[in-house]
């Protein structure tokens, strides 16, 4: 009888110990299941952006070069403007990650409503209106920064291209027009925040220097061209959303 009682007591003790061990394991599993893993920035992404641009442009007419010499003149010209407008477009890029260091490359294309105008660009002629437009902007930049889990602070630098037109109208009739594709550089910085494992939002500032190019402004209805050496710089602020492809 004593042996039976002892055996029963031993079984009860073993059962209680096993149950307690099982509860401890379950409790341990529950605790570890709530531990969040650091955000991974590495991968290919695509996105959209929109923002504002402001800047200035100068145009210098130079008839001293032999290929632009012709008889006659057209009076003093001024093609210097303050410029502003909107940018909107898309980007694609790749990021690598080494601990907290994040770096990669990105290409972007933006449509543009950036323009500047002057109602008195050609003196001594009444009713004239001159303007300069940035039709599109493209960049290829390197990005490098430091990740604080879901927050990425980064800098950027690279090459910028833009299609720029200059024109003049008299009584709303075009009589001078020409343009060129400018090539320059851009630098800036930004902050990106991961909204989920695949979606992030960002705000970005960039300074863009598009160098100088000669716009050959043709007088409509003639073979005469006016050489206008154009410089252009802009500062931009853009908001964007990126979606990482794959996992």
C-alpha atoms as a PDB file:
ATOM      1  CA  UNK A   1       0.000   0.000   0.000  1.00  0.00           C
ATOM      2  CA  UNK A   2       2.793   2.369   0.954  1.00  0.00           C
ATOM      3  CA  UNK A   3       4.548   1.583  -2.294  1.00  0.00           C
ATOM      4  CA  UNK A   4       1.407   2.422  -4.286  1.00  0.00           C
ATOM      5  CA  UNK A   5       0.986   5.708  -2.429  1.00  0.00           C
ATOM      6  CA  UNK A   6       4.639   6.527  -3.000  1.00  0.00           C
ATOM      7  CA  UNK A   7       4.385   5.715  -6.693  1.00  0.00           C
ATOM      8  CA  UNK A   8       1.303   7.886  -7.026  1.00  0.00           C
ATOM      9  CA  UNK A   9       3.060  10.759  -5.263  1.00  0.00           C
ATOM     10  CA  UNK A  10       6.080  10.395  -7.545  1.00  0.00           C
ATOM     11  CA  UNK A  11       3.865  10.425 -10.656  1.00  0.00           C
ATOM     12  CA  UNK A  12       2.033  13.529  -9.411  1.00  0.00           C
ATOM     13  CA  UNK A  13       5.322  15.323  -8.786  1.00  0.00           C
ATOM     14  CA  UNK A  14       6.632  14.422 -12.244  1.00  0.00           C
ATOM     15  CA  UNK A  15       3.373  15.552 -13.855  1.00  0.00           C
ATOM     16  CA  UNK A  16       3.424  18.903 -12.039  1.00  0.00           C
ATOM     17  CA  UNK A  17       7.066  19.466 -12.960  1.00  0.00           C
ATOM     18  CA  UNK A  18       6.360  18.680 -16.648  1.00  0.00           C
ATOM     19  CA  UNK A  19       3.355  20.998 -16.645  1.00  0.00           C
ATOM     20  CA  UNK A  20       5.386  23.767 -15.071  1.00  0.00           C
ATOM     21  CA  UNK A  21       8.173  23.246 -17.599  1.00  0.00           C
ATOM     22  CA  UNK A  22       5.648  23.383 -20.458  1.00  0.00           C
ATOM     23  CA  UNK A  23       4.161  26.598 -19.151  1.00  0.00           C
ATOM     24  CA  UNK A  24       7.597  28.131 -18.866  1.00  0.00           C
ATOM     25  CA  UNK A  25       8.379  27.158 -22.481  1.00  0.00           C
ATOM     26  CA  UNK A  26       5.070  28.591 -23.711  1.00  0.00           C
ATOM     27  CA  UNK A  27       5.679  31.753 -21.768  1.00  0.00           C
ATOM     28  CA  UNK A  28       9.160  32.009 -23.277  1.00  0.00           C
ATOM     29  CA  UNK A  29       7.781  31.572 -26.816  1.00  0.00           C
ATOM     30  CA  UNK A  30       5.154  34.253 -26.237  1.00  0.00           C
ATOM     31  CA  UNK A  31       7.769  36.700 -24.984  1.00  0.00           C
ATOM     32  CA  UNK A  32      10.161  36.234 -27.911  1.00  0.00           C
ATOM     33  CA  UNK A  33       7.378  36.426 -30.497  1.00  0.00           C
ATOM     34  CA  UNK A  34       6.867  40.121 -29.684  1.00  0.00           C
ATOM     35  CA  UNK A  35      10.517  41.120 -30.261  1.00  0.00           C
ATOM     36  CA  UNK A  36      10.722  43.397 -33.354  1.00  0.00           C
ATOM     37  CA  UNK A  37      13.549  42.889 -35.850  1.00  0.00           C
ATOM     38  CA  UNK A  38      15.424  45.946 -37.170  1.00  0.00           C
ATOM     39  CA  UNK A  39      14.161  47.420 -40.435  1.00  0.00           C
ATOM     40  CA  UNK A  40      16.073  46.309 -43.535  1.00  0.00           C
ATOM     41  CA  UNK A  41      16.718  49.085 -46.083  1.00  0.00           C
ATOM     42  CA  UNK A  42      18.573  46.863 -48.533  1.00  0.00           C
ATOM     43  CA  UNK A  43      16.938  46.235 -51.922  1.00  0.00           C
ATOM     44  CA  UNK A  44      15.562  47.701 -55.162  1.00  0.00           C
ATOM     45  CA  UNK A  45      12.778  50.282 -54.907  1.00  0.00           C
ATOM     46  CA  UNK A  46      10.541  52.441 -57.105  1.00  0.00           C
ATOM     47  CA  UNK A  47       8.607  55.535 -56.130  1.00  0.00           C
ATOM     48  CA  UNK A  48       6.871  58.818 -56.903  1.00  0.00           C
ATOM     49  CA  UNK A  49       7.700  62.378 -55.878  1.00  0.00           C
ATOM     50  CA  UNK A  50       6.363  65.935 -56.065  1.00  0.00           C
ATOM     51  CA  UNK A  51       7.684  69.257 -54.844  1.00  0.00           C
ATOM     52  CA  UNK A  52       8.576  72.881 -55.456  1.00  0.00           C
ATOM     53  CA  UNK A  53      11.567  74.590 -57.062  1.00  0.00           C
ATOM     54  CA  UNK A  54      12.886  78.125 -56.945  1.00  0.00           C
ATOM     55  CA  UNK A  55      15.971  79.628 -58.532  1.00  0.00           C
ATOM     56  CA  UNK A  56      17.385  82.126 -60.968  1.00  0.00           C
ATOM     57  CA  UNK A  57      18.688  82.197 -64.513  1.00  0.00           C
ATOM     58  CA  UNK A  58      20.877  84.596 -66.466  1.00  0.00           C
ATOM     59  CA  UNK A  59      21.130  85.007 -70.211  1.00  0.00           C
ATOM     60  CA  UNK A  60      24.033  86.857 -71.824  1.00  0.00           C
ATOM     61  CA  UNK A  61      23.864  87.824 -75.484  1.00  0.00           C
ATOM     62  CA  UNK A  62      27.279  87.666 -77.167  1.00  0.00           C
ATOM     63  CA  UNK A  63      27.733  88.667 -80.833  1.00  0.00           C
ATOM     64  CA  UNK A  64      31.546  88.592 -80.663  1.00  0.00           C
ATOM     65  CA  UNK A  65      31.923  84.977 -81.827  1.00  0.00           C
ATOM     66  CA  UNK A  66      32.476  84.723 -85.584  1.00  0.00           C
ATOM     67  CA  UNK A  67      29.727  82.181 -86.294  1.00  0.00           C
ATOM     68  CA  UNK A  68      27.108  84.568 -84.913  1.00  0.00           C
ATOM     69  CA  UNK A  69      28.196  87.677 -86.845  1.00  0.00           C
ATOM     70  CA  UNK A  70      25.617  89.258 -89.134  1.00  0.00           C
ATOM     71  CA  UNK A  71      24.690  92.721 -90.323  1.00  0.00           C
ATOM     72  CA  UNK A  72      22.122  94.621 -88.360  1.00  0.00           C
ATOM     73  CA  UNK A  73      21.077  94.506 -84.749  1.00  0.00           C
ATOM     74  CA  UNK A  74      18.095  94.088 -82.529  1.00  0.00           C
ATOM     75  CA  UNK A  75      18.750  96.436 -79.608  1.00  0.00           C
ATOM     76  CA  UNK A  76      19.582  95.725 -75.933  1.00  0.00           C
ATOM     77  CA  UNK A  77      18.316  92.393 -74.575  1.00  0.00           C
ATOM     78  CA  UNK A  78      17.761  91.112 -71.020  1.00  0.00           C
ATOM     79  CA  UNK A  79      17.148  87.422 -70.341  1.00  0.00           C
ATOM     80  CA  UNK A  80      17.649  87.288 -66.537  1.00  0.00           C
ATOM     81  CA  UNK A  81      14.757  85.884 -64.494  1.00  0.00           C
ATOM     82  CA  UNK A  82      13.759  84.602 -61.106  1.00  0.00           C
ATOM     83  CA  UNK A  83      12.275  81.119 -61.583  1.00  0.00           C
ATOM     84  CA  UNK A  84       9.780  79.003 -59.629  1.00  0.00           C
ATOM     85  CA  UNK A  85       7.310  76.196 -60.166  1.00  0.00           C
ATOM     86  CA  UNK A  86       6.519  72.569 -59.426  1.00  0.00           C
ATOM     87  CA  UNK A  87       8.267  69.243 -60.056  1.00  0.00           C
ATOM     88  CA  UNK A  88       6.553  65.852 -60.231  1.00  0.00           C
ATOM     89  CA  UNK A  89       7.787  62.460 -61.339  1.00  0.00           C
ATOM     90  CA  UNK A  90       9.212  59.054 -60.469  1.00  0.00           C
ATOM     91  CA  UNK A  91      12.412  57.424 -59.238  1.00  0.00           C
ATOM     92  CA  UNK A  92      14.048  54.001 -59.169  1.00  0.00           C
ATOM     93  CA  UNK A  93      17.010  52.985 -57.069  1.00  0.00           C
ATOM     94  CA  UNK A  94      18.967  50.390 -55.146  1.00  0.00           C
ATOM     95  CA  UNK A  95      20.276  50.464 -51.571  1.00  0.00           C
ATOM     96  CA  UNK A  96      22.829  48.258 -49.858  1.00  0.00           C
ATOM     97  CA  UNK A  97      23.138  48.014 -46.077  1.00  0.00           C
ATOM     98  CA  UNK A  98      26.148  47.225 -43.867  1.00  0.00           C
ATOM     99  CA  UNK A  99      25.067  47.501 -40.256  1.00  0.00           C
ATOM    100  CA  UNK A 100      23.754  51.048 -39.873  1.00  0.00           C
ATOM    101  CA  UNK A 101      25.502  52.291 -43.015  1.00  0.00           C
ATOM    102  CA  UNK A 102      23.165  52.524 -46.044  1.00  0.00           C
ATOM    103  CA  UNK A 103      24.337  53.505 -49.540  1.00  0.00           C
ATOM    104  CA  UNK A 104      23.190  53.111 -53.133  1.00  0.00           C
ATOM    105  CA  UNK A 105      22.261  54.778 -56.410  1.00  0.00           C
ATOM    106  CA  UNK A 106      19.067  56.404 -57.694  1.00  0.00           C
ATOM    107  CA  UNK A 107      17.770  57.746 -61.024  1.00  0.00           C
ATOM    108  CA  UNK A 108      14.845  60.165 -61.227  1.00  0.00           C
ATOM    109  CA  UNK A 109      12.794  61.947 -63.889  1.00  0.00           C
ATOM    110  CA  UNK A 110      10.583  64.970 -63.203  1.00  0.00           C
ATOM    111  CA  UNK A 111       8.093  66.846 -65.306  1.00  0.00           C
ATOM    112  CA  UNK A 112       8.307  70.569 -64.595  1.00  0.00           C
ATOM    113  CA  UNK A 113       6.290  73.781 -64.550  1.00  0.00           C
ATOM    114  CA  UNK A 114       9.344  75.827 -63.459  1.00  0.00           C
ATOM    115  CA  UNK A 115       9.557  79.114 -65.375  1.00  0.00           C
ATOM    116  CA  UNK A 116      10.600  82.739 -65.188  1.00  0.00           C
ATOM    117  CA  UNK A 117       9.381  85.716 -67.207  1.00  0.00           C
ATOM    118  CA  UNK A 118      10.017  89.412 -67.780  1.00  0.00           C
ATOM    119  CA  UNK A 119       7.666  91.862 -69.469  1.00  0.00           C
ATOM    120  CA  UNK A 120      10.533  94.240 -70.276  1.00  0.00           C
ATOM    121  CA  UNK A 121      13.263  91.979 -71.605  1.00  0.00           C
ATOM    122  CA  UNK A 122      13.633  93.865 -74.906  1.00  0.00           C
ATOM    123  CA  UNK A 123      13.718  97.601 -74.335  1.00  0.00           C
ATOM    124  CA  UNK A 124      12.274 100.152 -76.739  1.00  0.00           C
ATOM    125  CA  UNK A 125       9.625  97.639 -77.881  1.00  0.00           C
ATOM    126  CA  UNK A 126       6.157  97.835 -76.309  1.00  0.00           C
ATOM    127  CA  UNK A 127       4.065  94.733 -75.588  1.00  0.00           C
ATOM    128  CA  UNK A 128       6.946  92.263 -75.422  1.00  0.00           C
ATOM    129  CA  UNK A 129       7.040  89.330 -73.020  1.00  0.00           C
ATOM    130  CA  UNK A 130      10.027  86.991 -72.552  1.00  0.00           C
ATOM    131  CA  UNK A 131      10.143  83.727 -70.631  1.00  0.00           C
ATOM    132  CA  UNK A 132      12.335  80.735 -69.857  1.00  0.00           C
ATOM    133  CA  UNK A 133      10.934  77.254 -69.070  1.00  0.00           C
ATOM    134  CA  UNK A 134      12.394  74.089 -67.582  1.00  0.00           C
ATOM    135  CA  UNK A 135      10.467  71.363 -69.413  1.00  0.00           C
ATOM    136  CA  UNK A 136      11.904  68.345 -67.582  1.00  0.00           C
ATOM    137  CA  UNK A 137      14.621  67.466 -65.088  1.00  0.00           C
ATOM    138  CA  UNK A 138      16.534  64.171 -64.717  1.00  0.00           C
ATOM    139  CA  UNK A 139      19.159  63.135 -62.157  1.00  0.00           C
ATOM    140  CA  UNK A 140      21.418  60.182 -61.362  1.00  0.00           C
ATOM    141  CA  UNK A 141      22.781  60.418 -57.821  1.00  0.00           C
ATOM    142  CA  UNK A 142      24.588  58.395 -55.221  1.00  0.00           C
ATOM    143  CA  UNK A 143      22.891  58.192 -51.816  1.00  0.00           C
ATOM    144  CA  UNK A 144      24.665  57.438 -48.536  1.00  0.00           C
ATOM    145  CA  UNK A 145      23.452  57.736 -44.957  1.00  0.00           C
ATOM    146  CA  UNK A 146      22.975  56.281 -41.487  1.00  0.00           C
ATOM    147  CA  UNK A 147      19.963  54.211 -40.440  1.00  0.00           C
ATOM    148  CA  UNK A 148      18.367  54.468 -37.007  1.00  0.00           C
ATOM    149  CA  UNK A 149      16.100  51.434 -37.417  1.00  0.00           C
ATOM    150  CA  UNK A 150      13.128  52.901 -39.351  1.00  0.00           C
ATOM    151  CA  UNK A 151      14.692  56.361 -39.850  1.00  0.00           C
ATOM    152  CA  UNK A 152      17.307  56.975 -42.567  1.00  0.00           C
ATOM    153  CA  UNK A 153      19.248  60.256 -42.730  1.00  0.00           C
ATOM    154  CA  UNK A 154      21.221  60.583 -45.967  1.00  0.00           C
ATOM    155  CA  UNK A 155      23.123  62.844 -48.327  1.00  0.00           C
ATOM    156  CA  UNK A 156      23.171  62.747 -52.120  1.00  0.00           C
ATOM    157  CA  UNK A 157      25.338  63.962 -55.002  1.00  0.00           C
ATOM    158  CA  UNK A 158      25.353  63.357 -58.735  1.00  0.00           C
ATOM    159  CA  UNK A 159      24.594  64.558 -62.260  1.00  0.00           C
ATOM    160  CA  UNK A 160      21.572  66.572 -63.424  1.00  0.00           C
ATOM    161  CA  UNK A 161      20.089  67.175 -66.890  1.00  0.00           C
ATOM    162  CA  UNK A 162      17.316  69.573 -67.895  1.00  0.00           C
ATOM    163  CA  UNK A 163      15.606  70.695 -71.090  1.00  0.00           C
ATOM    164  CA  UNK A 164      15.403  74.506 -71.043  1.00  0.00           C
ATOM    165  CA  UNK A 165      13.637  76.804 -73.533  1.00  0.00           C
ATOM    166  CA  UNK A 166      13.798  80.575 -74.020  1.00  0.00           C
ATOM    167  CA  UNK A 167      11.286  82.576 -76.038  1.00  0.00           C
ATOM    168  CA  UNK A 168      10.034  86.123 -76.605  1.00  0.00           C
ATOM    169  CA  UNK A 169       6.583  87.232 -77.768  1.00  0.00           C
ATOM    170  CA  UNK A 170       5.279  90.546 -79.086  1.00  0.00           C
ATOM    171  CA  UNK A 171       1.547  91.044 -78.471  1.00  0.00           C
ATOM    172  CA  UNK A 172       1.369  87.309 -77.691  1.00  0.00           C
ATOM    173  CA  UNK A 173       2.947  86.375 -81.038  1.00  0.00           C
ATOM    174  CA  UNK A 174       6.197  84.393 -80.831  1.00  0.00           C
ATOM    175  CA  UNK A 175       9.090  86.036 -82.644  1.00  0.00           C
ATOM    176  CA  UNK A 176      12.162  84.598 -80.837  1.00  0.00           C
ATOM    177  CA  UNK A 177      12.643  81.038 -79.563  1.00  0.00           C
ATOM    178  CA  UNK A 178      15.323  78.447 -78.888  1.00  0.00           C
ATOM    179  CA  UNK A 179      16.551  76.046 -76.256  1.00  0.00           C
ATOM    180  CA  UNK A 180      19.118  73.487 -75.198  1.00  0.00           C
ATOM    181  CA  UNK A 181      19.612  70.485 -72.918  1.00  0.00           C
ATOM    182  CA  UNK A 182      21.702  71.556 -69.924  1.00  0.00           C
ATOM    183  CA  UNK A 183      24.040  69.245 -67.988  1.00  0.00           C
ATOM    184  CA  UNK A 184      25.168  70.051 -64.459  1.00  0.00           C
ATOM    185  CA  UNK A 185      25.384  68.696 -60.924  1.00  0.00           C
ATOM    186  CA  UNK A 186      23.270  68.344 -57.810  1.00  0.00           C
ATOM    187  CA  UNK A 187      23.885  67.884 -54.066  1.00  0.00           C
ATOM    188  CA  UNK A 188      21.447  67.588 -51.183  1.00  0.00           C
ATOM    189  CA  UNK A 189      20.208  65.673 -48.164  1.00  0.00           C
ATOM    190  CA  UNK A 190      17.047  64.014 -46.948  1.00  0.00           C
ATOM    191  CA  UNK A 191      15.202  62.037 -44.305  1.00  0.00           C
ATOM    192  CA  UNK A 192      13.326  58.813 -45.055  1.00  0.00           C
ATOM    193  CA  UNK A 193      10.951  56.992 -42.713  1.00  0.00           C
ATOM    194  CA  UNK A 194       9.894  53.354 -43.154  1.00  0.00           C
ATOM    195  CA  UNK A 195       6.104  53.098 -42.801  1.00  0.00           C
ATOM    196  CA  UNK A 196       6.243  49.309 -43.138  1.00  0.00           C
ATOM    197  CA  UNK A 197       8.708  46.640 -44.230  1.00  0.00           C
ATOM    198  CA  UNK A 198       8.257  47.693 -47.884  1.00  0.00           C
ATOM    199  CA  UNK A 199       6.849  51.258 -47.950  1.00  0.00           C
ATOM    200  CA  UNK A 200       8.716  54.424 -46.941  1.00  0.00           C
ATOM    201  CA  UNK A 201       8.130  58.183 -47.173  1.00  0.00           C
ATOM    202  CA  UNK A 202      10.752  60.906 -47.449  1.00  0.00           C
ATOM    203  CA  UNK A 203      11.448  64.628 -47.637  1.00  0.00           C
ATOM    204  CA  UNK A 204      14.468  65.801 -49.623  1.00  0.00           C
ATOM    205  CA  UNK A 205      16.275  69.071 -50.363  1.00  0.00           C
ATOM    206  CA  UNK A 206      18.613  69.487 -53.350  1.00  0.00           C
ATOM    207  CA  UNK A 207      20.604  72.294 -54.947  1.00  0.00           C
ATOM    208  CA  UNK A 208      20.869  71.922 -58.731  1.00  0.00           C
ATOM    209  CA  UNK A 209      23.388  73.812 -60.877  1.00  0.00           C
ATOM    210  CA  UNK A 210      22.653  73.280 -64.574  1.00  0.00           C
ATOM    211  CA  UNK A 211      25.759  75.067 -65.816  1.00  0.00           C
ATOM    212  CA  UNK A 212      25.629  77.226 -68.944  1.00  0.00           C
ATOM    213  CA  UNK A 213      24.630  76.460 -72.520  1.00  0.00           C
ATOM    214  CA  UNK A 214      24.110  78.669 -75.577  1.00  0.00           C
ATOM    215  CA  UNK A 215      20.490  78.957 -76.683  1.00  0.00           C
ATOM    216  CA  UNK A 216      20.366  79.901 -80.352  1.00  0.00           C
ATOM    217  CA  UNK A 217      17.285  82.112 -80.475  1.00  0.00           C
ATOM    218  CA  UNK A 218      15.922  82.206 -83.996  1.00  0.00           C
ATOM    219  CA  UNK A 219      13.928  85.169 -85.220  1.00  0.00           C
ATOM    220  CA  UNK A 220      10.818  83.636 -86.756  1.00  0.00           C
ATOM    221  CA  UNK A 221      10.549  84.063 -90.469  1.00  0.00           C
ATOM    222  CA  UNK A 222      14.282  84.660 -90.918  1.00  0.00           C
ATOM    223  CA  UNK A 223      17.635  82.872 -90.747  1.00  0.00           C
ATOM    224  CA  UNK A 224      18.958  85.227 -88.070  1.00  0.00           C
ATOM    225  CA  UNK A 225      19.821  83.695 -84.693  1.00  0.00           C
ATOM    226  CA  UNK A 226      20.752  85.445 -81.468  1.00  0.00           C
ATOM    227  CA  UNK A 227      23.277  83.619 -79.248  1.00  0.00           C
ATOM    228  CA  UNK A 228      22.014  83.663 -75.653  1.00  0.00           C
ATOM    229  CA  UNK A 229      24.417  82.040 -73.176  1.00  0.00           C
ATOM    230  CA  UNK A 230      22.149  80.784 -70.380  1.00  0.00           C
ATOM    231  CA  UNK A 231      23.006  79.844 -66.792  1.00  0.00           C
ATOM    232  CA  UNK A 232      20.483  78.283 -64.421  1.00  0.00           C
ATOM    233  CA  UNK A 233      20.424  77.212 -60.750  1.00  0.00           C
ATOM    234  CA  UNK A 234      17.570  75.845 -58.638  1.00  0.00           C
ATOM    235  CA  UNK A 235      16.806  74.768 -55.089  1.00  0.00           C
ATOM    236  CA  UNK A 236      14.172  72.062 -54.698  1.00  0.00           C
ATOM    237  CA  UNK A 237      12.175  70.462 -51.898  1.00  0.00           C
ATOM    238  CA  UNK A 238      10.413  67.218 -52.790  1.00  0.00           C
ATOM    239  CA  UNK A 239       8.211  64.765 -50.931  1.00  0.00           C
ATOM    240  CA  UNK A 240       8.337  61.151 -52.052  1.00  0.00           C
ATOM    241  CA  UNK A 241       7.040  57.635 -51.448  1.00  0.00           C
ATOM    242  CA  UNK A 242       9.070  54.491 -52.215  1.00  0.00           C
ATOM    243  CA  UNK A 243       8.003  50.850 -52.462  1.00  0.00           C
ATOM    244  CA  UNK A 244      10.678  48.162 -52.065  1.00  0.00           C
ATOM    245  CA  UNK A 245      10.452  45.336 -54.565  1.00  0.00           C
ATOM    246  CA  UNK A 246      10.752  41.722 -53.405  1.00  0.00           C
ATOM    247  CA  UNK A 247      11.350  40.814 -49.766  1.00  0.00           C
END
